[in-house]
């Protein structure tokens, strides 16, 4: 059957589920695996930090590790958006005495406080704590269930939210919370987040000496003229994943260079641009993704970012005749700096979600 004859959802899933193992991807996965394998090898738990810019692939690495670990244990990783028949999600292993969760991923909400993070942790464990519980009560409950459900590794995603935004915790307070989880339940912890997440790690020597690795996932280099390089390998995989019968040319050096510039070399950003362009092509009945569609998708994506300067056609990397990577990098850096200033406002008065108050 031709790709164009498949259902829209199935066609787009081929891009959104794309996974290309690169050197940084492997290195980040190895750190998570080593942290997991360190469970109960020391008197206290150890931690690791895997950080990177938005779109670097941090969450993808964690989800892939969860899926691999589930397969090794003879079970499956259930996404939170599709819980099982018992309303459970995550990595769940059935045993004679019930079930266990060897690895638990917890998303730190954008307005997370220390207390809110404990609510989120308990929620991931399947426990709905009382809203009027104290932080001490929540920690005791979390410790009990972490041990009862035999959690070996805790993965905190978007960890930077703990020290950003509404009623932020200081880096020292966040470090104290992580330290308590390392000491009493003796779980292993991996923190994923933006680069400044490491402020938590450096806030106190006590957490620092329990850290076994710190890694920042780098972007691809724009070595489009190296056919066997990581980036061109990725572009070829992206071209193959496109849900069209005609080639779009994403694996050609000229187009690959424009993709790299628009996405700053980050996997997640490049896939997002390509997926958006593919949606436009499918909905309009077009046979492939063109430079014009990529330019429209890129313009739409950047326009939707809060407080960002709109990408006009005269600087859009997919629409200009001669693309100069160095020149555009300066423009992109300015736009990203504006976005960072608007999103990382320390102590901003943003209403906290009901569940994390």
C-alpha atoms as a PDB file:
ATOM      1  CA  UNK A   1       0.000   0.000   0.000  1.00  0.00           C
ATOM      2  CA  UNK A   2       1.253   3.471  -0.837  1.00  0.00           C
ATOM      3  CA  UNK A   3       1.960   5.868   2.024  1.00  0.00           C
ATOM      4  CA  UNK A   4      -0.575   8.318   0.612  1.00  0.00           C
ATOM      5  CA  UNK A   5      -3.322   5.690   1.011  1.00  0.00           C
ATOM      6  CA  UNK A   6      -2.845   5.346   4.775  1.00  0.00           C
ATOM      7  CA  UNK A   7      -4.992   7.143   7.344  1.00  0.00           C
ATOM      8  CA  UNK A   8      -3.829  10.635   8.294  1.00  0.00           C
ATOM      9  CA  UNK A   9      -3.017   9.629  11.884  1.00  0.00           C
ATOM     10  CA  UNK A  10      -0.925   6.677  10.766  1.00  0.00           C
ATOM     11  CA  UNK A  11       0.930   8.782   8.223  1.00  0.00           C
ATOM     12  CA  UNK A  12       1.906  11.421  10.771  1.00  0.00           C
ATOM     13  CA  UNK A  13       2.823   8.864  13.421  1.00  0.00           C
ATOM     14  CA  UNK A  14       5.718   7.697  11.261  1.00  0.00           C
ATOM     15  CA  UNK A  15       7.404  11.063  11.866  1.00  0.00           C
ATOM     16  CA  UNK A  16       6.410  11.674  15.488  1.00  0.00           C
ATOM     17  CA  UNK A  17       7.694   8.222  16.503  1.00  0.00           C
ATOM     18  CA  UNK A  18      11.017   8.637  14.690  1.00  0.00           C
ATOM     19  CA  UNK A  19      13.968   7.538  16.827  1.00  0.00           C
ATOM     20  CA  UNK A  20      17.535   7.894  15.562  1.00  0.00           C
ATOM     21  CA  UNK A  21      20.291   6.682  17.866  1.00  0.00           C
ATOM     22  CA  UNK A  22      23.140   9.153  17.750  1.00  0.00           C
ATOM     23  CA  UNK A  23      26.294   9.355  19.865  1.00  0.00           C
ATOM     24  CA  UNK A  24      24.760  11.899  22.320  1.00  0.00           C
ATOM     25  CA  UNK A  25      21.571   9.809  22.509  1.00  0.00           C
ATOM     26  CA  UNK A  26      23.617   6.732  23.410  1.00  0.00           C
ATOM     27  CA  UNK A  27      25.719   8.605  25.958  1.00  0.00           C
ATOM     28  CA  UNK A  28      22.634  10.027  27.689  1.00  0.00           C
ATOM     29  CA  UNK A  29      20.991   6.582  27.719  1.00  0.00           C
ATOM     30  CA  UNK A  30      24.122   5.027  29.212  1.00  0.00           C
ATOM     31  CA  UNK A  31      24.054   7.551  32.069  1.00  0.00           C
ATOM     32  CA  UNK A  32      20.438   6.716  32.885  1.00  0.00           C
ATOM     33  CA  UNK A  33      21.189   2.987  32.692  1.00  0.00           C
ATOM     34  CA  UNK A  34      24.252   3.315  34.938  1.00  0.00           C
ATOM     35  CA  UNK A  35      22.226   5.250  37.506  1.00  0.00           C
ATOM     36  CA  UNK A  36      19.517   2.574  37.412  1.00  0.00           C
ATOM     37  CA  UNK A  37      22.077  -0.222  37.842  1.00  0.00           C
ATOM     38  CA  UNK A  38      23.546   1.556  40.879  1.00  0.00           C
ATOM     39  CA  UNK A  39      20.435   0.794  42.920  1.00  0.00           C
ATOM     40  CA  UNK A  40      21.402  -0.389  46.423  1.00  0.00           C
ATOM     41  CA  UNK A  41      25.104  -0.616  45.553  1.00  0.00           C
ATOM     42  CA  UNK A  42      25.806   2.145  48.099  1.00  0.00           C
ATOM     43  CA  UNK A  43      24.526   3.093  51.513  1.00  0.00           C
ATOM     44  CA  UNK A  44      22.532   5.904  49.881  1.00  0.00           C
ATOM     45  CA  UNK A  45      21.118   6.521  46.438  1.00  0.00           C
ATOM     46  CA  UNK A  46      22.998   8.388  43.737  1.00  0.00           C
ATOM     47  CA  UNK A  47      21.791  10.839  41.119  1.00  0.00           C
ATOM     48  CA  UNK A  48      22.613  12.087  37.620  1.00  0.00           C
ATOM     49  CA  UNK A  49      21.660  15.166  35.619  1.00  0.00           C
ATOM     50  CA  UNK A  50      20.905  15.003  31.890  1.00  0.00           C
ATOM     51  CA  UNK A  51      20.211  18.503  30.604  1.00  0.00           C
ATOM     52  CA  UNK A  52      19.850  20.283  27.282  1.00  0.00           C
ATOM     53  CA  UNK A  53      17.978  22.975  25.439  1.00  0.00           C
ATOM     54  CA  UNK A  54      14.359  22.537  24.430  1.00  0.00           C
ATOM     55  CA  UNK A  55      14.162  19.929  21.672  1.00  0.00           C
ATOM     56  CA  UNK A  56      17.503  18.305  22.509  1.00  0.00           C
ATOM     57  CA  UNK A  57      15.817  14.934  23.052  1.00  0.00           C
ATOM     58  CA  UNK A  58      15.918  14.544  26.846  1.00  0.00           C
ATOM     59  CA  UNK A  59      12.388  13.183  27.218  1.00  0.00           C
ATOM     60  CA  UNK A  60      12.850  10.934  24.175  1.00  0.00           C
ATOM     61  CA  UNK A  61      15.933   9.386  25.780  1.00  0.00           C
ATOM     62  CA  UNK A  62      14.043   8.754  29.026  1.00  0.00           C
ATOM     63  CA  UNK A  63      10.998   7.261  27.294  1.00  0.00           C
ATOM     64  CA  UNK A  64      13.201   4.993  25.203  1.00  0.00           C
ATOM     65  CA  UNK A  65      14.987   3.805  28.350  1.00  0.00           C
ATOM     66  CA  UNK A  66      11.628   3.093  29.994  1.00  0.00           C
ATOM     67  CA  UNK A  67      10.491   1.099  26.948  1.00  0.00           C
ATOM     68  CA  UNK A  68      13.758  -0.885  26.822  1.00  0.00           C
ATOM     69  CA  UNK A  69      13.632  -1.635  30.552  1.00  0.00           C
ATOM     70  CA  UNK A  70      10.009  -2.750  30.245  1.00  0.00           C
ATOM     71  CA  UNK A  71      10.962  -5.179  27.477  1.00  0.00           C
ATOM     72  CA  UNK A  72      13.856  -6.527  29.570  1.00  0.00           C
ATOM     73  CA  UNK A  73      11.418  -7.164  32.433  1.00  0.00           C
ATOM     74  CA  UNK A  74       8.875  -8.843  30.174  1.00  0.00           C
ATOM     75  CA  UNK A  75       6.270  -6.097  30.511  1.00  0.00           C
ATOM     76  CA  UNK A  76       5.436  -2.833  28.768  1.00  0.00           C
ATOM     77  CA  UNK A  77       5.612   0.886  29.371  1.00  0.00           C
ATOM     78  CA  UNK A  78       2.118   2.351  29.523  1.00  0.00           C
ATOM     79  CA  UNK A  79       1.842   6.025  28.593  1.00  0.00           C
ATOM     80  CA  UNK A  80      -0.029   8.307  30.993  1.00  0.00           C
ATOM     81  CA  UNK A  81      -2.350   9.283  28.149  1.00  0.00           C
ATOM     82  CA  UNK A  82      -3.394   5.638  27.676  1.00  0.00           C
ATOM     83  CA  UNK A  83      -3.698   3.986  31.122  1.00  0.00           C
ATOM     84  CA  UNK A  84      -4.390   0.255  31.413  1.00  0.00           C
ATOM     85  CA  UNK A  85      -7.673  -1.375  32.439  1.00  0.00           C
ATOM     86  CA  UNK A  86      -6.909  -0.614  36.109  1.00  0.00           C
ATOM     87  CA  UNK A  87      -6.265   3.069  35.422  1.00  0.00           C
ATOM     88  CA  UNK A  88      -2.499   2.638  35.887  1.00  0.00           C
ATOM     89  CA  UNK A  89       0.340   3.919  33.730  1.00  0.00           C
ATOM     90  CA  UNK A  90       4.107   3.869  33.660  1.00  0.00           C
ATOM     91  CA  UNK A  91       6.435   0.887  33.876  1.00  0.00           C
ATOM     92  CA  UNK A  92       4.390  -1.699  35.770  1.00  0.00           C
ATOM     93  CA  UNK A  93       5.525  -5.272  36.452  1.00  0.00           C
ATOM     94  CA  UNK A  94       2.986  -7.774  37.755  1.00  0.00           C
ATOM     95  CA  UNK A  95       4.234 -10.116  40.514  1.00  0.00           C
ATOM     96  CA  UNK A  96       2.736 -12.817  42.727  1.00  0.00           C
ATOM     97  CA  UNK A  97       2.212 -10.207  45.436  1.00  0.00           C
ATOM     98  CA  UNK A  98       0.755  -7.475  43.240  1.00  0.00           C
ATOM     99  CA  UNK A  99       2.756  -5.127  41.065  1.00  0.00           C
ATOM    100  CA  UNK A 100       5.946  -3.083  41.222  1.00  0.00           C
ATOM    101  CA  UNK A 101       7.235   0.023  39.404  1.00  0.00           C
ATOM    102  CA  UNK A 102      11.007  -0.396  38.897  1.00  0.00           C
ATOM    103  CA  UNK A 103      11.299   2.949  37.094  1.00  0.00           C
ATOM    104  CA  UNK A 104       9.026   5.924  37.701  1.00  0.00           C
ATOM    105  CA  UNK A 105       8.943   9.099  35.599  1.00  0.00           C
ATOM    106  CA  UNK A 106       7.532  12.221  37.232  1.00  0.00           C
ATOM    107  CA  UNK A 107       6.755  15.419  35.362  1.00  0.00           C
ATOM    108  CA  UNK A 108       7.468  18.588  37.339  1.00  0.00           C
ATOM    109  CA  UNK A 109       4.584  20.942  36.611  1.00  0.00           C
ATOM    110  CA  UNK A 110       5.417  24.452  35.321  1.00  0.00           C
ATOM    111  CA  UNK A 111       4.453  25.953  38.683  1.00  0.00           C
ATOM    112  CA  UNK A 112       5.947  23.215  40.860  1.00  0.00           C
ATOM    113  CA  UNK A 113       6.725  23.849  44.505  1.00  0.00           C
ATOM    114  CA  UNK A 114       8.456  21.360  46.803  1.00  0.00           C
ATOM    115  CA  UNK A 115       5.065  20.328  48.143  1.00  0.00           C
ATOM    116  CA  UNK A 116       3.582  20.273  44.653  1.00  0.00           C
ATOM    117  CA  UNK A 117       6.364  18.025  43.418  1.00  0.00           C
ATOM    118  CA  UNK A 118       5.580  15.532  46.181  1.00  0.00           C
ATOM    119  CA  UNK A 119       1.917  15.584  45.099  1.00  0.00           C
ATOM    120  CA  UNK A 120       3.070  14.876  41.529  1.00  0.00           C
ATOM    121  CA  UNK A 121       5.337  12.052  42.740  1.00  0.00           C
ATOM    122  CA  UNK A 122       2.511  10.424  44.677  1.00  0.00           C
ATOM    123  CA  UNK A 123       0.148  10.842  41.735  1.00  0.00           C
ATOM    124  CA  UNK A 124       2.649   8.973  39.519  1.00  0.00           C
ATOM    125  CA  UNK A 125       2.674   6.244  42.173  1.00  0.00           C
ATOM    126  CA  UNK A 126      -1.110   6.018  41.884  1.00  0.00           C
ATOM    127  CA  UNK A 127      -1.739   7.754  45.228  1.00  0.00           C
ATOM    128  CA  UNK A 128      -4.130  10.690  45.545  1.00  0.00           C
ATOM    129  CA  UNK A 129      -2.970  12.511  48.675  1.00  0.00           C
ATOM    130  CA  UNK A 130      -5.216  14.836  50.671  1.00  0.00           C
ATOM    131  CA  UNK A 131      -4.909  18.482  49.669  1.00  0.00           C
ATOM    132  CA  UNK A 132      -4.388  19.587  53.258  1.00  0.00           C
ATOM    133  CA  UNK A 133      -1.460  17.209  53.822  1.00  0.00           C
ATOM    134  CA  UNK A 134       1.708  18.778  55.150  1.00  0.00           C
ATOM    135  CA  UNK A 135       5.027  18.430  53.348  1.00  0.00           C
ATOM    136  CA  UNK A 136       6.192  16.094  56.121  1.00  0.00           C
ATOM    137  CA  UNK A 137       3.114  13.892  55.639  1.00  0.00           C
ATOM    138  CA  UNK A 138       3.616  13.824  51.873  1.00  0.00           C
ATOM    139  CA  UNK A 139       7.278  12.864  52.188  1.00  0.00           C
ATOM    140  CA  UNK A 140       6.457  10.040  54.615  1.00  0.00           C
ATOM    141  CA  UNK A 141       3.744   8.766  52.254  1.00  0.00           C
ATOM    142  CA  UNK A 142       6.077   8.981  49.259  1.00  0.00           C
ATOM    143  CA  UNK A 143       8.835   7.073  51.066  1.00  0.00           C
ATOM    144  CA  UNK A 144       6.438   4.313  52.062  1.00  0.00           C
ATOM    145  CA  UNK A 145       5.061   3.799  48.557  1.00  0.00           C
ATOM    146  CA  UNK A 146       8.434   4.110  46.838  1.00  0.00           C
ATOM    147  CA  UNK A 147       9.637   1.212  48.958  1.00  0.00           C
ATOM    148  CA  UNK A 148       6.376  -0.778  48.729  1.00  0.00           C
ATOM    149  CA  UNK A 149       6.294  -0.477  44.922  1.00  0.00           C
ATOM    150  CA  UNK A 150      10.037  -1.258  44.752  1.00  0.00           C
ATOM    151  CA  UNK A 151      10.959   1.845  42.764  1.00  0.00           C
ATOM    152  CA  UNK A 152      14.636   1.695  41.839  1.00  0.00           C
ATOM    153  CA  UNK A 153      14.898   4.795  39.668  1.00  0.00           C
ATOM    154  CA  UNK A 154      13.035   8.104  39.754  1.00  0.00           C
ATOM    155  CA  UNK A 155      13.227  10.213  36.595  1.00  0.00           C
ATOM    156  CA  UNK A 156      12.162  13.826  37.117  1.00  0.00           C
ATOM    157  CA  UNK A 157      11.347  15.513  33.794  1.00  0.00           C
ATOM    158  CA  UNK A 158      11.353  19.314  33.392  1.00  0.00           C
ATOM    159  CA  UNK A 159      13.160  19.536  36.737  1.00  0.00           C
ATOM    160  CA  UNK A 160      13.995  23.201  36.150  1.00  0.00           C
ATOM    161  CA  UNK A 161      10.349  24.005  36.880  1.00  0.00           C
ATOM    162  CA  UNK A 162      11.112  23.487  40.580  1.00  0.00           C
ATOM    163  CA  UNK A 163      13.283  26.599  40.678  1.00  0.00           C
ATOM    164  CA  UNK A 164      11.403  28.635  38.057  1.00  0.00           C
ATOM    165  CA  UNK A 165       8.185  30.577  38.151  1.00  0.00           C
ATOM    166  CA  UNK A 166       5.367  30.733  40.683  1.00  0.00           C
ATOM    167  CA  UNK A 167       6.441  30.432  44.339  1.00  0.00           C
ATOM    168  CA  UNK A 168       9.762  28.992  43.200  1.00  0.00           C
ATOM    169  CA  UNK A 169      11.860  26.897  45.539  1.00  0.00           C
ATOM    170  CA  UNK A 170      15.471  27.888  45.822  1.00  0.00           C
ATOM    171  CA  UNK A 171      18.016  25.554  44.279  1.00  0.00           C
ATOM    172  CA  UNK A 172      19.068  24.626  47.817  1.00  0.00           C
ATOM    173  CA  UNK A 173      15.531  23.679  48.824  1.00  0.00           C
ATOM    174  CA  UNK A 174      15.134  21.544  45.704  1.00  0.00           C
ATOM    175  CA  UNK A 175      18.474  19.876  46.422  1.00  0.00           C
ATOM    176  CA  UNK A 176      17.306  19.148  49.959  1.00  0.00           C
ATOM    177  CA  UNK A 177      14.180  17.410  48.677  1.00  0.00           C
ATOM    178  CA  UNK A 178      16.183  15.223  46.286  1.00  0.00           C
ATOM    179  CA  UNK A 179      18.704  14.415  49.016  1.00  0.00           C
ATOM    180  CA  UNK A 180      15.947  13.137  51.316  1.00  0.00           C
ATOM    181  CA  UNK A 181      14.711  10.781  48.596  1.00  0.00           C
ATOM    182  CA  UNK A 182      18.245   9.483  48.051  1.00  0.00           C
ATOM    183  CA  UNK A 183      18.801   8.809  51.749  1.00  0.00           C
ATOM    184  CA  UNK A 184      15.621   7.206  53.077  1.00  0.00           C
ATOM    185  CA  UNK A 185      13.996   5.193  50.262  1.00  0.00           C
ATOM    186  CA  UNK A 186      17.509   4.894  48.722  1.00  0.00           C
ATOM    187  CA  UNK A 187      16.116   5.392  45.226  1.00  0.00           C
ATOM    188  CA  UNK A 188      18.262   6.426  42.301  1.00  0.00           C
ATOM    189  CA  UNK A 189      17.372   9.774  40.690  1.00  0.00           C
ATOM    190  CA  UNK A 190      17.878  11.198  37.210  1.00  0.00           C
ATOM    191  CA  UNK A 191      16.946  14.848  36.672  1.00  0.00           C
ATOM    192  CA  UNK A 192      16.092  16.052  33.167  1.00  0.00           C
ATOM    193  CA  UNK A 193      15.743  19.719  32.355  1.00  0.00           C
ATOM    194  CA  UNK A 194      17.080  22.860  30.750  1.00  0.00           C
ATOM    195  CA  UNK A 195      20.783  23.618  31.275  1.00  0.00           C
ATOM    196  CA  UNK A 196      20.204  25.788  34.349  1.00  0.00           C
ATOM    197  CA  UNK A 197      18.759  22.730  36.146  1.00  0.00           C
ATOM    198  CA  UNK A 198      22.312  22.056  37.362  1.00  0.00           C
ATOM    199  CA  UNK A 199      21.859  24.998  39.760  1.00  0.00           C
ATOM    200  CA  UNK A 200      20.136  22.421  41.952  1.00  0.00           C
ATOM    201  CA  UNK A 201      23.174  20.164  41.790  1.00  0.00           C
ATOM    202  CA  UNK A 202      25.658  22.881  42.678  1.00  0.00           C
ATOM    203  CA  UNK A 203      23.510  24.398  45.438  1.00  0.00           C
ATOM    204  CA  UNK A 204      24.807  22.046  48.114  1.00  0.00           C
ATOM    205  CA  UNK A 205      27.860  19.885  48.493  1.00  0.00           C
ATOM    206  CA  UNK A 206      25.746  17.109  49.996  1.00  0.00           C
ATOM    207  CA  UNK A 207      23.869  16.528  46.734  1.00  0.00           C
ATOM    208  CA  UNK A 208      26.951  17.148  44.634  1.00  0.00           C
ATOM    209  CA  UNK A 209      28.876  14.277  46.185  1.00  0.00           C
ATOM    210  CA  UNK A 210      25.976  11.935  45.477  1.00  0.00           C
ATOM    211  CA  UNK A 211      25.977  12.786  41.753  1.00  0.00           C
ATOM    212  CA  UNK A 212      27.665  10.238  39.500  1.00  0.00           C
ATOM    213  CA  UNK A 213      27.227  12.026  36.152  1.00  0.00           C
ATOM    214  CA  UNK A 214      26.286  15.329  34.582  1.00  0.00           C
ATOM    215  CA  UNK A 215      25.687  15.527  30.828  1.00  0.00           C
ATOM    216  CA  UNK A 216      24.357  18.160  28.446  1.00  0.00           C
ATOM    217  CA  UNK A 217      22.930  16.808  25.189  1.00  0.00           C
ATOM    218  CA  UNK A 218      24.499  18.837  22.383  1.00  0.00           C
ATOM    219  CA  UNK A 219      22.870  19.789  19.082  1.00  0.00           C
ATOM    220  CA  UNK A 220      23.912  18.280  15.776  1.00  0.00           C
ATOM    221  CA  UNK A 221      26.824  19.929  14.047  1.00  0.00           C
ATOM    222  CA  UNK A 222      25.953  21.301  10.610  1.00  0.00           C
ATOM    223  CA  UNK A 223      28.337  18.934   8.820  1.00  0.00           C
ATOM    224  CA  UNK A 224      25.980  18.449   5.889  1.00  0.00           C
ATOM    225  CA  UNK A 225      28.879  17.641   3.565  1.00  0.00           C
ATOM    226  CA  UNK A 226      29.867  14.591   5.623  1.00  0.00           C
ATOM    227  CA  UNK A 227      27.536  11.866   4.278  1.00  0.00           C
ATOM    228  CA  UNK A 228      28.304   9.433   7.088  1.00  0.00           C
ATOM    229  CA  UNK A 229      27.983  12.031   9.845  1.00  0.00           C
ATOM    230  CA  UNK A 230      25.291  11.898  12.531  1.00  0.00           C
ATOM    231  CA  UNK A 231      23.287  14.785  11.109  1.00  0.00           C
ATOM    232  CA  UNK A 232      23.027  13.485   7.557  1.00  0.00           C
ATOM    233  CA  UNK A 233      22.214  10.036   8.945  1.00  0.00           C
ATOM    234  CA  UNK A 234      19.356  11.695  10.838  1.00  0.00           C
ATOM    235  CA  UNK A 235      18.184  13.596   7.728  1.00  0.00           C
ATOM    236  CA  UNK A 236      18.066  10.389   5.703  1.00  0.00           C
ATOM    237  CA  UNK A 237      16.001   8.737   8.446  1.00  0.00           C
ATOM    238  CA  UNK A 238      13.677  11.756   8.508  1.00  0.00           C
ATOM    239  CA  UNK A 239      13.243  11.602   4.721  1.00  0.00           C
ATOM    240  CA  UNK A 240      12.386   7.880   4.925  1.00  0.00           C
ATOM    241  CA  UNK A 241       9.854   8.569   7.671  1.00  0.00           C
ATOM    242  CA  UNK A 242       7.947  11.141   5.626  1.00  0.00           C
ATOM    243  CA  UNK A 243       4.437   9.842   4.790  1.00  0.00           C
ATOM    244  CA  UNK A 244       4.633  10.614   1.083  1.00  0.00           C
ATOM    245  CA  UNK A 245       5.308   8.571  -2.026  1.00  0.00           C
ATOM    246  CA  UNK A 246       7.448  11.296  -3.596  1.00  0.00           C
ATOM    247  CA  UNK A 247      10.774  12.372  -2.098  1.00  0.00           C
ATOM    248  CA  UNK A 248      10.923  15.756  -0.402  1.00  0.00           C
ATOM    249  CA  UNK A 249      14.695  16.115  -0.480  1.00  0.00           C
ATOM    250  CA  UNK A 250      15.289  16.626   3.237  1.00  0.00           C
ATOM    251  CA  UNK A 251      18.446  14.551   2.903  1.00  0.00           C
ATOM    252  CA  UNK A 252      19.987  16.900   0.331  1.00  0.00           C
ATOM    253  CA  UNK A 253      22.804  19.095   1.730  1.00  0.00           C
ATOM    254  CA  UNK A 254      21.148  22.417   0.850  1.00  0.00           C
ATOM    255  CA  UNK A 255      17.833  21.567   2.509  1.00  0.00           C
ATOM    256  CA  UNK A 256      19.537  19.796   5.419  1.00  0.00           C
ATOM    257  CA  UNK A 257      21.488  22.966   6.145  1.00  0.00           C
ATOM    258  CA  UNK A 258      18.272  25.011   6.281  1.00  0.00           C
ATOM    259  CA  UNK A 259      16.657  22.453   8.589  1.00  0.00           C
ATOM    260  CA  UNK A 260      19.689  22.590  10.834  1.00  0.00           C
ATOM    261  CA  UNK A 261      19.579  26.387  10.976  1.00  0.00           C
ATOM    262  CA  UNK A 262      15.856  26.580  11.736  1.00  0.00           C
ATOM    263  CA  UNK A 263      16.077  23.941  14.469  1.00  0.00           C
ATOM    264  CA  UNK A 264      19.476  25.044  15.806  1.00  0.00           C
ATOM    265  CA  UNK A 265      20.585  21.456  15.269  1.00  0.00           C
ATOM    266  CA  UNK A 266      18.171  20.034  17.852  1.00  0.00           C
ATOM    267  CA  UNK A 267      16.283  16.860  16.948  1.00  0.00           C
ATOM    268  CA  UNK A 268      12.992  17.801  18.567  1.00  0.00           C
ATOM    269  CA  UNK A 269      12.794  21.207  16.901  1.00  0.00           C
ATOM    270  CA  UNK A 270      13.618  19.849  13.442  1.00  0.00           C
ATOM    271  CA  UNK A 271      11.043  17.060  13.782  1.00  0.00           C
ATOM    272  CA  UNK A 272       8.419  19.579  14.981  1.00  0.00           C
ATOM    273  CA  UNK A 273       8.959  21.791  11.922  1.00  0.00           C
ATOM    274  CA  UNK A 274       8.871  18.798   9.574  1.00  0.00           C
ATOM    275  CA  UNK A 275       5.780  17.281  11.195  1.00  0.00           C
ATOM    276  CA  UNK A 276       3.919  20.602  10.968  1.00  0.00           C
ATOM    277  CA  UNK A 277       4.838  20.920   7.291  1.00  0.00           C
ATOM    278  CA  UNK A 278       3.719  17.324   6.673  1.00  0.00           C
ATOM    279  CA  UNK A 279       0.355  18.082   8.275  1.00  0.00           C
ATOM    280  CA  UNK A 280      -0.101  21.034   5.919  1.00  0.00           C
ATOM    281  CA  UNK A 281       0.823  18.884   2.904  1.00  0.00           C
ATOM    282  CA  UNK A 282      -1.547  16.055   3.830  1.00  0.00           C
ATOM    283  CA  UNK A 283      -4.462  18.380   4.595  1.00  0.00           C
ATOM    284  CA  UNK A 284      -3.971  20.149   1.263  1.00  0.00           C
ATOM    285  CA  UNK A 285      -3.574  16.919  -0.703  1.00  0.00           C
ATOM    286  CA  UNK A 286      -0.003  17.689  -1.737  1.00  0.00           C
ATOM    287  CA  UNK A 287       2.410  14.904  -2.765  1.00  0.00           C
ATOM    288  CA  UNK A 288       5.408  15.941  -0.650  1.00  0.00           C
ATOM    289  CA  UNK A 289       6.881  18.488   1.746  1.00  0.00           C
ATOM    290  CA  UNK A 290       8.293  21.487  -0.086  1.00  0.00           C
ATOM    291  CA  UNK A 291      10.551  24.338   1.014  1.00  0.00           C
ATOM    292  CA  UNK A 292       7.516  26.643   0.883  1.00  0.00           C
ATOM    293  CA  UNK A 293       5.589  24.408   3.308  1.00  0.00           C
ATOM    294  CA  UNK A 294       8.576  24.160   5.649  1.00  0.00           C
ATOM    295  CA  UNK A 295       8.838  27.943   5.582  1.00  0.00           C
ATOM    296  CA  UNK A 296       5.141  28.320   6.386  1.00  0.00           C
ATOM    297  CA  UNK A 297       5.398  25.770   9.200  1.00  0.00           C
ATOM    298  CA  UNK A 298       8.452  27.481  10.680  1.00  0.00           C
ATOM    299  CA  UNK A 299       6.774  30.877  10.529  1.00  0.00           C
ATOM    300  CA  UNK A 300       3.622  29.535  12.211  1.00  0.00           C
ATOM    301  CA  UNK A 301       5.597  27.807  14.978  1.00  0.00           C
ATOM    302  CA  UNK A 302       7.694  30.842  15.856  1.00  0.00           C
ATOM    303  CA  UNK A 303       4.676  33.157  15.703  1.00  0.00           C
ATOM    304  CA  UNK A 304       2.867  31.057  18.315  1.00  0.00           C
ATOM    305  CA  UNK A 305       5.752  31.380  20.781  1.00  0.00           C
ATOM    306  CA  UNK A 306       4.981  33.920  23.464  1.00  0.00           C
ATOM    307  CA  UNK A 307       6.563  37.350  23.085  1.00  0.00           C
ATOM    308  CA  UNK A 308       8.617  36.214  20.089  1.00  0.00           C
ATOM    309  CA  UNK A 309       9.491  38.325  17.075  1.00  0.00           C
ATOM    310  CA  UNK A 310       7.764  36.930  13.996  1.00  0.00           C
ATOM    311  CA  UNK A 311       9.996  35.275  11.411  1.00  0.00           C
ATOM    312  CA  UNK A 312       9.419  37.313   8.283  1.00  0.00           C
ATOM    313  CA  UNK A 313       9.871  35.883   4.806  1.00  0.00           C
ATOM    314  CA  UNK A 314      13.056  37.868   4.191  1.00  0.00           C
ATOM    315  CA  UNK A 315      14.861  35.963   6.968  1.00  0.00           C
ATOM    316  CA  UNK A 316      12.974  32.657   6.890  1.00  0.00           C
ATOM    317  CA  UNK A 317      15.667  30.011   6.146  1.00  0.00           C
ATOM    318  CA  UNK A 318      13.322  27.999   3.916  1.00  0.00           C
ATOM    319  CA  UNK A 319      12.133  30.951   1.822  1.00  0.00           C
ATOM    320  CA  UNK A 320      15.236  33.028   1.164  1.00  0.00           C
ATOM    321  CA  UNK A 321      17.257  32.251  -1.947  1.00  0.00           C
ATOM    322  CA  UNK A 322      20.670  32.265  -0.288  1.00  0.00           C
ATOM    323  CA  UNK A 323      20.795  30.862   3.231  1.00  0.00           C
ATOM    324  CA  UNK A 324      23.736  31.943   5.373  1.00  0.00           C
ATOM    325  CA  UNK A 325      23.907  29.774   8.531  1.00  0.00           C
ATOM    326  CA  UNK A 326      26.170  32.085  10.557  1.00  0.00           C
ATOM    327  CA  UNK A 327      24.053  35.138   9.839  1.00  0.00           C
ATOM    328  CA  UNK A 328      20.813  33.358  10.675  1.00  0.00           C
ATOM    329  CA  UNK A 329      22.303  31.927  13.884  1.00  0.00           C
ATOM    330  CA  UNK A 330      22.661  35.477  15.206  1.00  0.00           C
ATOM    331  CA  UNK A 331      19.004  36.232  14.389  1.00  0.00           C
ATOM    332  CA  UNK A 332      17.804  32.976  15.947  1.00  0.00           C
ATOM    333  CA  UNK A 333      19.867  33.553  19.105  1.00  0.00           C
ATOM    334  CA  UNK A 334      18.258  36.962  19.554  1.00  0.00           C
ATOM    335  CA  UNK A 335      14.772  35.506  19.229  1.00  0.00           C
ATOM    336  CA  UNK A 336      15.534  32.675  21.645  1.00  0.00           C
ATOM    337  CA  UNK A 337      16.937  35.135  24.172  1.00  0.00           C
ATOM    338  CA  UNK A 338      13.677  37.084  24.027  1.00  0.00           C
ATOM    339  CA  UNK A 339      11.695  33.890  24.579  1.00  0.00           C
ATOM    340  CA  UNK A 340      13.913  32.861  27.494  1.00  0.00           C
ATOM    341  CA  UNK A 341      13.462  36.243  29.179  1.00  0.00           C
ATOM    342  CA  UNK A 342       9.679  35.933  28.934  1.00  0.00           C
ATOM    343  CA  UNK A 343       9.408  32.341  30.146  1.00  0.00           C
ATOM    344  CA  UNK A 344      11.971  32.333  32.926  1.00  0.00           C
ATOM    345  CA  UNK A 345      10.626  35.073  35.163  1.00  0.00           C
ATOM    346  CA  UNK A 346      11.670  34.305  38.702  1.00  0.00           C
ATOM    347  CA  UNK A 347       8.782  34.629  41.095  1.00  0.00           C
ATOM    348  CA  UNK A 348       6.160  35.544  38.505  1.00  0.00           C
ATOM    349  CA  UNK A 349       2.569  35.657  39.760  1.00  0.00           C
ATOM    350  CA  UNK A 350       1.149  32.818  37.747  1.00  0.00           C
ATOM    351  CA  UNK A 351      -1.792  30.947  39.328  1.00  0.00           C
ATOM    352  CA  UNK A 352      -0.758  27.495  40.550  1.00  0.00           C
ATOM    353  CA  UNK A 353      -2.739  24.449  39.372  1.00  0.00           C
ATOM    354  CA  UNK A 354      -5.277  23.279  41.945  1.00  0.00           C
ATOM    355  CA  UNK A 355      -3.566  19.915  42.348  1.00  0.00           C
ATOM    356  CA  UNK A 356      -0.138  21.335  43.205  1.00  0.00           C
ATOM    357  CA  UNK A 357      -1.110  24.039  45.681  1.00  0.00           C
END
